[in-house]
Amino acid sequence: MKFQFIENHRSSFPDDGMCEALNVSVSGYYAYHKRDKSHQHQENQRLLVEIRIVFKKSRETYGSPRITAYLRCQGSACGANPPVS
């Protein structure tokens, strides 16, 4: 969470200052920054794209129960409350 906070605010504050304030090493942050996203994160991003497509196709009328049902019928493994980013 600390590294993600730094990532989200790096345009406003210097990296080394945020690392010091959050008590994390600068080298640890840069290692995190260069690391590939996890498989789960990539799957969540793919699912989020699918959810947005279904929502737009429904003229923004489908809620989570209908979107979940639709995606399950299409073969996507998803729950009713997937993470949103």
Protein backbone atom coordinates (compact mmCIF):
# COMPACT_ATOMS: atom_id res chain seq x y z
CA MET A 1 0.00 0.00 0.00
CA LYS A 2 2.82 2.42 0.77
CA PHE A 3 4.48 1.82 -2.57
CA GLN A 4 1.17 2.29 -4.38
CA PHE A 5 0.65 5.58 -2.52
CA ILE A 6 4.08 6.76 -3.66
CA GLU A 7 3.28 5.67 -7.21
CA ASN A 8 0.01 7.62 -7.19
CA HIS A 9 1.62 10.83 -5.89
CA ARG A 10 5.01 10.88 -7.59
CA SER A 11 4.07 13.84 -9.79
CA SER A 12 3.40 15.96 -6.69
CA PHE A 13 6.24 14.97 -4.37
CA PRO A 14 9.80 13.66 -4.74
CA ASP A 15 10.17 9.87 -4.47
CA ASP A 16 12.90 9.95 -1.85
CA GLY A 17 10.96 12.34 0.38
CA MET A 18 7.85 10.16 0.30
CA CYS A 19 9.92 7.04 0.99
CA GLU A 20 11.46 8.71 4.02
CA ALA A 21 8.08 9.95 5.28
CA LEU A 22 6.53 6.49 4.87
CA ASN A 23 9.57 4.74 6.34
CA VAL A 24 10.37 2.59 3.30
CA SER A 25 13.63 2.27 1.41
CA VAL A 26 14.06 4.07 -1.89
CA SER A 27 15.63 0.94 -3.41
CA GLY A 28 12.60 -1.11 -2.30
CA TYR A 29 10.27 1.36 -3.98
CA TYR A 30 12.23 1.30 -7.24
CA ALA A 31 12.27 -2.52 -7.18
CA TYR A 32 8.47 -2.46 -6.76
CA HIS A 33 8.16 0.11 -9.57
CA LYS A 34 10.11 -2.09 -12.02
CA ARG A 35 8.41 -5.36 -11.05
CA ASP A 36 5.83 -6.86 -13.42
CA LYS A 37 2.23 -6.76 -12.27
CA SER A 38 1.00 -9.98 -10.66
CA HIS A 39 -1.12 -12.46 -12.58
CA GLN A 40 -4.10 -11.63 -10.34
CA HIS A 41 -3.71 -7.91 -11.01
CA GLN A 42 -3.60 -8.55 -14.77
CA GLU A 43 -6.72 -10.73 -14.58
CA ASN A 44 -8.54 -8.07 -12.56
CA GLN A 45 -7.65 -5.45 -15.18
CA ARG A 46 -8.90 -7.72 -17.98
CA LEU A 47 -12.15 -8.33 -16.09
CA LEU A 48 -12.60 -4.61 -15.48
CA VAL A 49 -12.37 -3.97 -19.24
CA GLU A 50 -15.03 -6.64 -19.85
CA ILE A 51 -17.30 -5.13 -17.19
CA ARG A 52 -17.03 -1.69 -18.75
CA ILE A 53 -17.83 -3.08 -22.22
CA VAL A 54 -20.95 -4.88 -20.96
CA PHE A 55 -22.03 -1.77 -19.05
CA LYS A 56 -21.68 0.41 -22.17
CA LYS A 57 -23.49 -2.17 -24.34
CA SER A 58 -26.40 -2.09 -21.89
CA ARG A 59 -26.60 1.70 -22.35
CA GLU A 60 -25.36 1.94 -18.76
CA THR A 61 -28.49 0.28 -17.37
CA TYR A 62 -27.09 -3.04 -16.09
CA GLY A 63 -26.07 -3.25 -12.46
CA SER A 64 -23.65 -5.71 -10.90
CA PRO A 65 -26.09 -8.68 -10.75
CA ARG A 66 -26.88 -8.53 -14.48
CA ILE A 67 -23.27 -7.84 -15.48
CA THR A 68 -22.08 -10.75 -13.33
CA ALA A 69 -24.71 -13.07 -14.82
CA TYR A 70 -23.82 -11.97 -18.36
CA LEU A 71 -20.08 -12.48 -17.84
CA ARG A 72 -20.63 -15.89 -16.26
CA CYS A 73 -22.75 -16.92 -19.26
CA GLN A 74 -19.87 -15.82 -21.49
CA GLY A 75 -17.49 -18.07 -19.53
CA SER A 76 -15.70 -15.49 -17.38
CA ALA A 77 -14.98 -16.47 -13.81
CA CYS A 78 -16.10 -13.51 -11.74
CA GLY A 79 -17.75 -12.65 -8.47
CA ALA A 80 -20.38 -10.04 -7.80
CA ASN A 81 -17.85 -7.56 -6.35
CA PRO A 82 -14.61 -7.58 -8.36
CA PRO A 83 -11.93 -5.07 -7.39
CA VAL A 84 -12.18 -1.71 -9.08
CA SER A 85 -9.15 0.41 -9.93
